[in-house]
Every structure is written in C-alpha cells, then in structure tokens.
Amino acid sequence: MKDLQSTKAMWLKGGLFLVIGLMSAAILLVENWNWRTALLLALCVWGFCRAYYFAFYVIERWVDPQFKFSGLGSFLVYLWRSRR
C-alpha cells in the first residue's frame, strides 16, 4: 500500500476517525446510559490511546530506535520476532 501523501486527505482521515469514535460513544451511551458505562468507556478510550502511543512513540524513541513501524501489524510482527 502506498503512503498517504496528501495533507488534505490526512486531515479528512483524522476527522473521520474522530467522527467514528464520537458517534460510537454516543450510541453506546444513549443505549445504556449510566455513570459506570460512561466512566468505563472513557477509561477504555484513554487506555487504548496510551497503548497506541506506547506502541509507536515509546518503542521507536527509547526501546528500539532502529526500527520504524508502519502500523499495528508491523508492531505485532516486531513483538513476535523480539520474543525469540
């Protein structure tokens, strides 16, 4: 797959990800509103954001600066190979 080069397409992609996340959260909360669900949803989003940050920024900057990840699949391959 070719790298995305267009700045406008990158902004559109980021905006669409935001829309997907907001709509999904809104639907979950409308269907099952309570404070516990809202808190767990917020913690889930926060936790996955931190894991994503770790998978790319932390690994590339401090754990293995030689390796450049191109996506979550690349990160999983890196983990699999580093276990050996």
PDB file of N, CA and C in Angstrom:
ATOM      1  N   MET A   1       0.832  -1.164   0.000  1.00  0.00           N
ATOM      2  CA  MET A   1       0.000   0.000   0.000  1.00  0.00           C
ATOM      3  C   MET A   1       0.889   1.244   0.000  1.00  0.00           C
ATOM      4  N   LYS A   2       0.514   2.202  -0.779  1.00  0.00           N
ATOM      5  CA  LYS A   2       1.273   3.442  -0.916  1.00  0.00           C
ATOM      6  C   LYS A   2       1.007   4.366   0.273  1.00  0.00           C
ATOM      7  N   ASP A   3       2.037   5.105   0.700  1.00  0.00           N
ATOM      8  CA  ASP A   3       1.879   6.064   1.797  1.00  0.00           C
ATOM      9  C   ASP A   3       0.952   7.199   1.385  1.00  0.00           C
ATOM     10  N   LEU A   4       0.181   7.663   2.340  1.00  0.00           N
ATOM     11  CA  LEU A   4      -0.703   8.795   2.115  1.00  0.00           C
ATOM     12  C   LEU A   4       0.141  10.068   2.039  1.00  0.00           C
ATOM     13  N   GLN A   5       0.038  10.805   0.951  1.00  0.00           N
ATOM     14  CA  GLN A   5       0.861  11.993   0.724  1.00  0.00           C
ATOM     15  C   GLN A   5       0.096  13.300   0.867  1.00  0.00           C
ATOM     16  N   SER A   6      -1.186  13.264   0.633  1.00  0.00           N
ATOM     17  CA  SER A   6      -1.994  14.481   0.628  1.00  0.00           C
ATOM     18  C   SER A   6      -2.315  14.944   2.049  1.00  0.00           C
ATOM     19  N   THR A   7      -1.979  16.194   2.350  1.00  0.00           N
ATOM     20  CA  THR A   7      -2.291  16.765   3.657  1.00  0.00           C
ATOM     21  C   THR A   7      -3.800  16.838   3.870  1.00  0.00           C
ATOM     22  N   LYS A   8      -4.526  17.207   2.835  1.00  0.00           N
ATOM     23  CA  LYS A   8      -5.989  17.281   2.949  1.00  0.00           C
ATOM     24  C   LYS A   8      -6.583  15.906   3.242  1.00  0.00           C
ATOM     25  N   ALA A   9      -6.069  14.882   2.584  1.00  0.00           N
ATOM     26  CA  ALA A   9      -6.570  13.521   2.822  1.00  0.00           C
ATOM     27  C   ALA A   9      -6.249  13.069   4.247  1.00  0.00           C
ATOM     28  N   MET A  10      -5.087  13.477   4.769  1.00  0.00           N
ATOM     29  CA  MET A  10      -4.731  13.134   6.151  1.00  0.00           C
ATOM     30  C   MET A  10      -5.691  13.784   7.133  1.00  0.00           C
ATOM     31  N   TRP A  11      -6.002  15.056   6.916  1.00  0.00           N
ATOM     32  CA  TRP A  11      -6.953  15.750   7.786  1.00  0.00           C
ATOM     33  C   TRP A  11      -8.332  15.105   7.695  1.00  0.00           C
ATOM     34  N   LEU A  12      -8.739  14.745   6.488  1.00  0.00           N
ATOM     35  CA  LEU A  12     -10.034  14.084   6.303  1.00  0.00           C
ATOM     36  C   LEU A  12     -10.065  12.753   7.040  1.00  0.00           C
ATOM     37  N   LYS A  13      -9.016  11.986   6.912  1.00  0.00           N
ATOM     38  CA  LYS A  13      -8.919  10.693   7.589  1.00  0.00           C
ATOM     39  C   LYS A  13      -8.997  10.872   9.105  1.00  0.00           C
ATOM     40  N   GLY A  14      -8.245  11.823   9.641  1.00  0.00           N
ATOM     41  CA  GLY A  14      -8.285  12.095  11.073  1.00  0.00           C
ATOM     42  C   GLY A  14      -9.670  12.534  11.530  1.00  0.00           C
ATOM     43  N   GLY A  15     -10.307  13.375  10.743  1.00  0.00           N
ATOM     44  CA  GLY A  15     -11.666  13.829  11.062  1.00  0.00           C
ATOM     45  C   GLY A  15     -12.669  12.683  11.053  1.00  0.00           C
ATOM     46  N   LEU A  16     -12.523  11.800  10.085  1.00  0.00           N
ATOM     47  CA  LEU A  16     -13.427  10.643  10.019  1.00  0.00           C
ATOM     48  C   LEU A  16     -13.221   9.705  11.203  1.00  0.00           C
ATOM     49  N   PHE A  17     -11.980   9.512  11.627  1.00  0.00           N
ATOM     50  CA  PHE A  17     -11.723   8.703  12.818  1.00  0.00           C
ATOM     51  C   PHE A  17     -12.401   9.334  14.040  1.00  0.00           C
ATOM     52  N   LEU A  18     -12.313  10.649  14.153  1.00  0.00           N
ATOM     53  CA  LEU A  18     -12.940  11.354  15.268  1.00  0.00           C
ATOM     54  C   LEU A  18     -14.462  11.184  15.223  1.00  0.00           C
ATOM     55  N   VAL A  19     -15.049  11.318  14.052  1.00  0.00           N
ATOM     56  CA  VAL A  19     -16.495  11.141  13.896  1.00  0.00           C
ATOM     57  C   VAL A  19     -16.909   9.721  14.273  1.00  0.00           C
ATOM     58  N   ILE A  20     -16.166   8.725  13.821  1.00  0.00           N
ATOM     59  CA  ILE A  20     -16.475   7.336  14.162  1.00  0.00           C
ATOM     60  C   ILE A  20     -16.445   7.140  15.678  1.00  0.00           C
ATOM     61  N   GLY A  21     -15.404   7.647  16.324  1.00  0.00           N
ATOM     62  CA  GLY A  21     -15.284   7.498  17.767  1.00  0.00           C
ATOM     63  C   GLY A  21     -16.401   8.196  18.524  1.00  0.00           C
ATOM     64  N   LEU A  22     -16.701   9.433  18.145  1.00  0.00           N
ATOM     65  CA  LEU A  22     -17.752  10.184  18.831  1.00  0.00           C
ATOM     66  C   LEU A  22     -19.124   9.557  18.623  1.00  0.00           C
ATOM     67  N   MET A  23     -19.414   9.129  17.404  1.00  0.00           N
ATOM     68  CA  MET A  23     -20.716   8.511  17.137  1.00  0.00           C
ATOM     69  C   MET A  23     -20.855   7.178  17.867  1.00  0.00           C
ATOM     70  N   SER A  24     -19.804   6.390  17.886  1.00  0.00           N
ATOM     71  CA  SER A  24     -19.850   5.110  18.586  1.00  0.00           C
ATOM     72  C   SER A  24     -20.071   5.319  20.082  1.00  0.00           C
ATOM     73  N   ALA A  25     -19.354   6.254  20.669  1.00  0.00           N
ATOM     74  CA  ALA A  25     -19.522   6.542  22.095  1.00  0.00           C
ATOM     75  C   ALA A  25     -20.931   7.046  22.383  1.00  0.00           C
ATOM     76  N   ALA A  26     -21.420   7.931  21.537  1.00  0.00           N
ATOM     77  CA  ALA A  26     -22.765   8.474  21.740  1.00  0.00           C
ATOM     78  C   ALA A  26     -23.820   7.371  21.667  1.00  0.00           C
ATOM     79  N   ILE A  27     -23.706   6.476  20.706  1.00  0.00           N
ATOM     80  CA  ILE A  27     -24.673   5.385  20.576  1.00  0.00           C
ATOM     81  C   ILE A  27     -24.611   4.467  21.789  1.00  0.00           C
ATOM     82  N   LEU A  28     -23.403   4.130  22.222  1.00  0.00           N
ATOM     83  CA  LEU A  28     -23.275   3.287  23.415  1.00  0.00           C
ATOM     84  C   LEU A  28     -23.918   3.935  24.639  1.00  0.00           C
ATOM     85  N   LEU A  29     -23.667   5.219  24.820  1.00  0.00           N
ATOM     86  CA  LEU A  29     -24.204   5.902  25.996  1.00  0.00           C
ATOM     87  C   LEU A  29     -25.713   6.123  25.913  1.00  0.00           C
ATOM     88  N   VAL A  30     -26.233   6.370  24.720  1.00  0.00           N
ATOM     89  CA  VAL A  30     -27.686   6.533  24.556  1.00  0.00           C
ATOM     90  C   VAL A  30     -28.405   5.214  24.843  1.00  0.00           C
ATOM     91  N   GLU A  31     -27.839   4.106  24.364  1.00  0.00           N
ATOM     92  CA  GLU A  31     -28.469   2.803  24.557  1.00  0.00           C
ATOM     93  C   GLU A  31     -28.360   2.300  25.989  1.00  0.00           C
ATOM     94  N   ASN A  32     -27.316   2.689  26.710  1.00  0.00           N
ATOM     95  CA  ASN A  32     -27.078   2.131  28.034  1.00  0.00           C
ATOM     96  C   ASN A  32     -26.524   3.212  28.959  1.00  0.00           C
ATOM     97  N   TRP A  33     -27.305   4.276  29.204  1.00  0.00           N
ATOM     98  CA  TRP A  33     -26.773   5.387  29.976  1.00  0.00           C
ATOM     99  C   TRP A  33     -26.715   5.075  31.462  1.00  0.00           C
ATOM    100  N   ASN A  34     -25.544   5.175  32.003  1.00  0.00           N
ATOM    101  CA  ASN A  34     -25.311   5.279  33.432  1.00  0.00           C
ATOM    102  C   ASN A  34     -23.866   5.744  33.610  1.00  0.00           C
ATOM    103  N   TRP A  35     -23.557   6.228  34.809  1.00  0.00           N
ATOM    104  CA  TRP A  35     -22.226   6.790  35.043  1.00  0.00           C
ATOM    105  C   TRP A  35     -21.133   5.745  34.940  1.00  0.00           C
ATOM    106  N   ARG A  36     -21.456   4.523  35.323  1.00  0.00           N
ATOM    107  CA  ARG A  36     -20.452   3.450  35.257  1.00  0.00           C
ATOM    108  C   ARG A  36     -20.053   3.183  33.809  1.00  0.00           C
ATOM    109  N   THR A  37     -21.033   3.112  32.922  1.00  0.00           N
ATOM    110  CA  THR A  37     -20.753   2.898  31.499  1.00  0.00           C
ATOM    111  C   THR A  37     -19.927   4.050  30.930  1.00  0.00           C
ATOM    112  N   ALA A  38     -20.285   5.277  31.271  1.00  0.00           N
ATOM    113  CA  ALA A  38     -19.544   6.442  30.780  1.00  0.00           C
ATOM    114  C   ALA A  38     -18.095   6.405  31.267  1.00  0.00           C
ATOM    115  N   LEU A  39     -17.899   6.079  32.538  1.00  0.00           N
ATOM    116  CA  LEU A  39     -16.543   6.016  33.089  1.00  0.00           C
ATOM    117  C   LEU A  39     -15.731   4.902  32.432  1.00  0.00           C
ATOM    118  N   LEU A  40     -16.339   3.722  32.291  1.00  0.00           N
ATOM    119  CA  LEU A  40     -15.623   2.612  31.659  1.00  0.00           C
ATOM    120  C   LEU A  40     -15.290   2.905  30.202  1.00  0.00           C
ATOM    121  N   LEU A  41     -16.188   3.565  29.500  1.00  0.00           N
ATOM    122  CA  LEU A  41     -15.913   3.945  28.115  1.00  0.00           C
ATOM    123  C   LEU A  41     -14.760   4.938  28.048  1.00  0.00           C
ATOM    124  N   ALA A  42     -14.755   5.921  28.933  1.00  0.00           N
ATOM    125  CA  ALA A  42     -13.664   6.901  28.958  1.00  0.00           C
ATOM    126  C   ALA A  42     -12.334   6.228  29.284  1.00  0.00           C
ATOM    127  N   LEU A  43     -12.335   5.320  30.251  1.00  0.00           N
ATOM    128  CA  LEU A  43     -11.111   4.596  30.597  1.00  0.00           C
ATOM    129  C   LEU A  43     -10.642   3.703  29.456  1.00  0.00           C
ATOM    130  N   CYS A  44     -11.576   3.097  28.751  1.00  0.00           N
ATOM    131  CA  CYS A  44     -11.228   2.251  27.600  1.00  0.00           C
ATOM    132  C   CYS A  44     -10.543   3.076  26.513  1.00  0.00           C
ATOM    133  N   VAL A  45     -11.126   4.205  26.178  1.00  0.00           N
ATOM    134  CA  VAL A  45     -10.540   5.082  25.150  1.00  0.00           C
ATOM    135  C   VAL A  45      -9.170   5.569  25.597  1.00  0.00           C
ATOM    136  N   TRP A  46      -9.054   6.037  26.838  1.00  0.00           N
ATOM    137  CA  TRP A  46      -7.781   6.528  27.360  1.00  0.00           C
ATOM    138  C   TRP A  46      -6.724   5.427  27.335  1.00  0.00           C
ATOM    139  N   GLY A  47      -7.096   4.231  27.782  1.00  0.00           N
ATOM    140  CA  GLY A  47      -6.145   3.119  27.811  1.00  0.00           C
ATOM    141  C   GLY A  47      -5.644   2.734  26.425  1.00  0.00           C
ATOM    142  N   PHE A  48      -6.543   2.668  25.454  1.00  0.00           N
ATOM    143  CA  PHE A  48      -6.118   2.325  24.101  1.00  0.00           C
ATOM    144  C   PHE A  48      -5.272   3.435  23.476  1.00  0.00           C
ATOM    145  N   CYS A  49      -5.580   4.676  23.787  1.00  0.00           N
ATOM    146  CA  CYS A  49      -4.747   5.782  23.289  1.00  0.00           C
ATOM    147  C   CYS A  49      -3.334   5.688  23.848  1.00  0.00           C
ATOM    148  N   ARG A  50      -3.208   5.393  25.133  1.00  0.00           N
ATOM    149  CA  ARG A  50      -1.889   5.252  25.745  1.00  0.00           C
ATOM    150  C   ARG A  50      -1.134   4.051  25.170  1.00  0.00           C
ATOM    151  N   ALA A  51      -1.844   2.948  24.917  1.00  0.00           N
ATOM    152  CA  ALA A  51      -1.203   1.766  24.328  1.00  0.00           C
ATOM    153  C   ALA A  51      -0.711   2.076  22.916  1.00  0.00           C
ATOM    154  N   TYR A  52      -1.493   2.820  22.155  1.00  0.00           N
ATOM    155  CA  TYR A  52      -1.100   3.202  20.802  1.00  0.00           C
ATOM    156  C   TYR A  52       0.136   4.099  20.852  1.00  0.00           C
ATOM    157  N   TYR A  53       0.136   5.053  21.758  1.00  0.00           N
ATOM    158  CA  TYR A  53       1.289   5.934  21.952  1.00  0.00           C
ATOM    159  C   TYR A  53       2.527   5.111  22.299  1.00  0.00           C
ATOM    160  N   PHE A  54       2.377   4.159  23.200  1.00  0.00           N
ATOM    161  CA  PHE A  54       3.491   3.302  23.583  1.00  0.00           C
ATOM    162  C   PHE A  54       3.984   2.491  22.388  1.00  0.00           C
ATOM    163  N   ALA A  55       3.058   1.915  21.629  1.00  0.00           N
ATOM    164  CA  ALA A  55       3.431   1.047  20.506  1.00  0.00           C
ATOM    165  C   ALA A  55       4.259   1.780  19.462  1.00  0.00           C
ATOM    166  N   PHE A  56       4.024   3.042  19.274  1.00  0.00           N
ATOM    167  CA  PHE A  56       4.747   3.752  18.232  1.00  0.00           C
ATOM    168  C   PHE A  56       5.789   4.712  18.786  1.00  0.00           C
ATOM    169  N   TYR A  57       5.404   5.641  19.601  1.00  0.00           N
ATOM    170  CA  TYR A  57       6.338   6.675  20.043  1.00  0.00           C
ATOM    171  C   TYR A  57       7.392   6.119  21.000  1.00  0.00           C
ATOM    172  N   VAL A  58       6.965   5.449  22.035  1.00  0.00           N
ATOM    173  CA  VAL A  58       7.910   4.975  23.056  1.00  0.00           C
ATOM    174  C   VAL A  58       8.856   3.922  22.484  1.00  0.00           C
ATOM    175  N   ILE A  59       8.329   2.947  21.767  1.00  0.00           N
ATOM    176  CA  ILE A  59       9.176   1.891  21.201  1.00  0.00           C
ATOM    177  C   ILE A  59      10.189   2.492  20.237  1.00  0.00           C
ATOM    178  N   GLU A  60       9.737   3.360  19.323  1.00  0.00           N
ATOM    179  CA  GLU A  60      10.649   3.941  18.329  1.00  0.00           C
ATOM    180  C   GLU A  60      11.673   4.878  18.955  1.00  0.00           C
ATOM    181  N   ARG A  61      11.318   5.616  19.987  1.00  0.00           N
ATOM    182  CA  ARG A  61      12.225   6.615  20.550  1.00  0.00           C
ATOM    183  C   ARG A  61      13.194   6.036  21.573  1.00  0.00           C
ATOM    184  N   TRP A  62      12.726   5.107  22.420  1.00  0.00           N
ATOM    185  CA  TRP A  62      13.568   4.670  23.526  1.00  0.00           C
ATOM    186  C   TRP A  62      13.892   3.178  23.543  1.00  0.00           C
ATOM    187  N   VAL A  63      12.985   2.329  23.116  1.00  0.00           N
ATOM    188  CA  VAL A  63      13.237   0.890  23.216  1.00  0.00           C
ATOM    189  C   VAL A  63      14.097   0.402  22.061  1.00  0.00           C
ATOM    190  N   ASP A  64      13.731   0.757  20.830  1.00  0.00           N
ATOM    191  CA  ASP A  64      14.467   0.298  19.653  1.00  0.00           C
ATOM    192  C   ASP A  64      14.447   1.387  18.576  1.00  0.00           C
ATOM    193  N   PRO A  65      15.330   2.374  18.671  1.00  0.00           N
ATOM    194  CA  PRO A  65      15.332   3.486  17.714  1.00  0.00           C
ATOM    195  C   PRO A  65      15.614   3.070  16.269  1.00  0.00           C
ATOM    196  N   GLN A  66      16.159   1.886  16.060  1.00  0.00           N
ATOM    197  CA  GLN A  66      16.483   1.431  14.714  1.00  0.00           C
ATOM    198  C   GLN A  66      15.258   0.960  13.936  1.00  0.00           C
ATOM    199  N   PHE A  67      14.206   0.589  14.639  1.00  0.00           N
ATOM    200  CA  PHE A  67      13.034   0.010  13.984  1.00  0.00           C
ATOM    201  C   PHE A  67      11.975   1.078  13.748  1.00  0.00           C
ATOM    202  N   LYS A  68      11.442   1.136  12.551  1.00  0.00           N
ATOM    203  CA  LYS A  68      10.385   2.080  12.197  1.00  0.00           C
ATOM    204  C   LYS A  68       9.108   1.301  11.899  1.00  0.00           C
ATOM    205  N   PHE A  69       8.070   1.603  12.637  1.00  0.00           N
ATOM    206  CA  PHE A  69       6.798   0.903  12.484  1.00  0.00           C
ATOM    207  C   PHE A  69       5.947   1.584  11.426  1.00  0.00           C
ATOM    208  N   SER A  70       5.194   0.783  10.705  1.00  0.00           N
ATOM    209  CA  SER A  70       4.312   1.340   9.686  1.00  0.00           C
ATOM    210  C   SER A  70       2.841   1.102  10.019  1.00  0.00           C
ATOM    211  N   GLY A  71       2.565   0.487  11.136  1.00  0.00           N
ATOM    212  CA  GLY A  71       1.185   0.235  11.533  1.00  0.00           C
ATOM    213  C   GLY A  71       1.146  -0.787  12.651  1.00  0.00           C
ATOM    214  N   LEU A  72      -0.055  -1.096  13.114  1.00  0.00           N
ATOM    215  CA  LEU A  72      -0.191  -2.056  14.208  1.00  0.00           C
ATOM    216  C   LEU A  72       0.285  -3.446  13.804  1.00  0.00           C
ATOM    217  N   GLY A  73       0.090  -3.822  12.544  1.00  0.00           N
ATOM    218  CA  GLY A  73       0.587  -5.115  12.059  1.00  0.00           C
ATOM    219  C   GLY A  73       2.104  -5.187  12.165  1.00  0.00           C
ATOM    220  N   SER A  74       2.763  -4.124  11.793  1.00  0.00           N
ATOM    221  CA  SER A  74       4.215  -4.047  11.897  1.00  0.00           C
ATOM    222  C   SER A  74       4.658  -4.167  13.351  1.00  0.00           C
ATOM    223  N   PHE A  75       3.921  -3.530  14.261  1.00  0.00           N
ATOM    224  CA  PHE A  75       4.234  -3.619  15.679  1.00  0.00           C
ATOM    225  C   PHE A  75       4.073  -5.058  16.189  1.00  0.00           C
ATOM    226  N   LEU A  76       3.022  -5.745  15.758  1.00  0.00           N
ATOM    227  CA  LEU A  76       2.803  -7.137  16.181  1.00  0.00           C
ATOM    228  C   LEU A  76       3.913  -8.050  15.667  1.00  0.00           C
ATOM    229  N   VAL A  77       4.357  -7.831  14.429  1.00  0.00           N
ATOM    230  CA  VAL A  77       5.479  -8.608  13.892  1.00  0.00           C
ATOM    231  C   VAL A  77       6.732  -8.339  14.719  1.00  0.00           C
ATOM    232  N   TYR A  78       6.972  -7.089  15.074  1.00  0.00           N
ATOM    233  CA  TYR A  78       8.121  -6.725  15.905  1.00  0.00           C
ATOM    234  C   TYR A  78       8.056  -7.462  17.242  1.00  0.00           C
ATOM    235  N   LEU A  79       6.889  -7.459  17.882  1.00  0.00           N
ATOM    236  CA  LEU A  79       6.740  -8.157  19.159  1.00  0.00           C
ATOM    237  C   LEU A  79       6.998  -9.647  19.009  1.00  0.00           C
ATOM    238  N   TRP A  80       6.460 -10.244  17.959  1.00  0.00           N
ATOM    239  CA  TRP A  80       6.616 -11.677  17.726  1.00  0.00           C
ATOM    240  C   TRP A  80       8.090 -12.030  17.530  1.00  0.00           C
ATOM    241  N   ARG A  81       8.794 -11.246  16.751  1.00  0.00           N
ATOM    242  CA  ARG A  81      10.215 -11.525  16.473  1.00  0.00           C
ATOM    243  C   ARG A  81      11.094 -11.261  17.696  1.00  0.00           C
ATOM    244  N   SER A  82      10.720 -10.292  18.524  1.00  0.00           N
ATOM    245  CA  SER A  82      11.552  -9.968  19.681  1.00  0.00           C
ATOM    246  C   SER A  82      11.409 -11.016  20.794  1.00  0.00           C
ATOM    247  N   ARG A  83      10.393 -11.821  20.741  1.00  0.00           N
ATOM    248  CA  ARG A  83      10.190 -12.871  21.755  1.00  0.00           C
ATOM    249  C   ARG A  83      11.139 -14.033  21.571  1.00  0.00           C
ATOM    250  N   ARG A  84      11.704 -14.180  20.400  1.00  0.00           N
ATOM    251  CA  ARG A  84      12.564 -15.331  20.094  1.00  0.00           C
ATOM    252  C   ARG A  84      13.936 -15.153  20.625  1.00  0.00           C
TER     253      ARG A  84
END
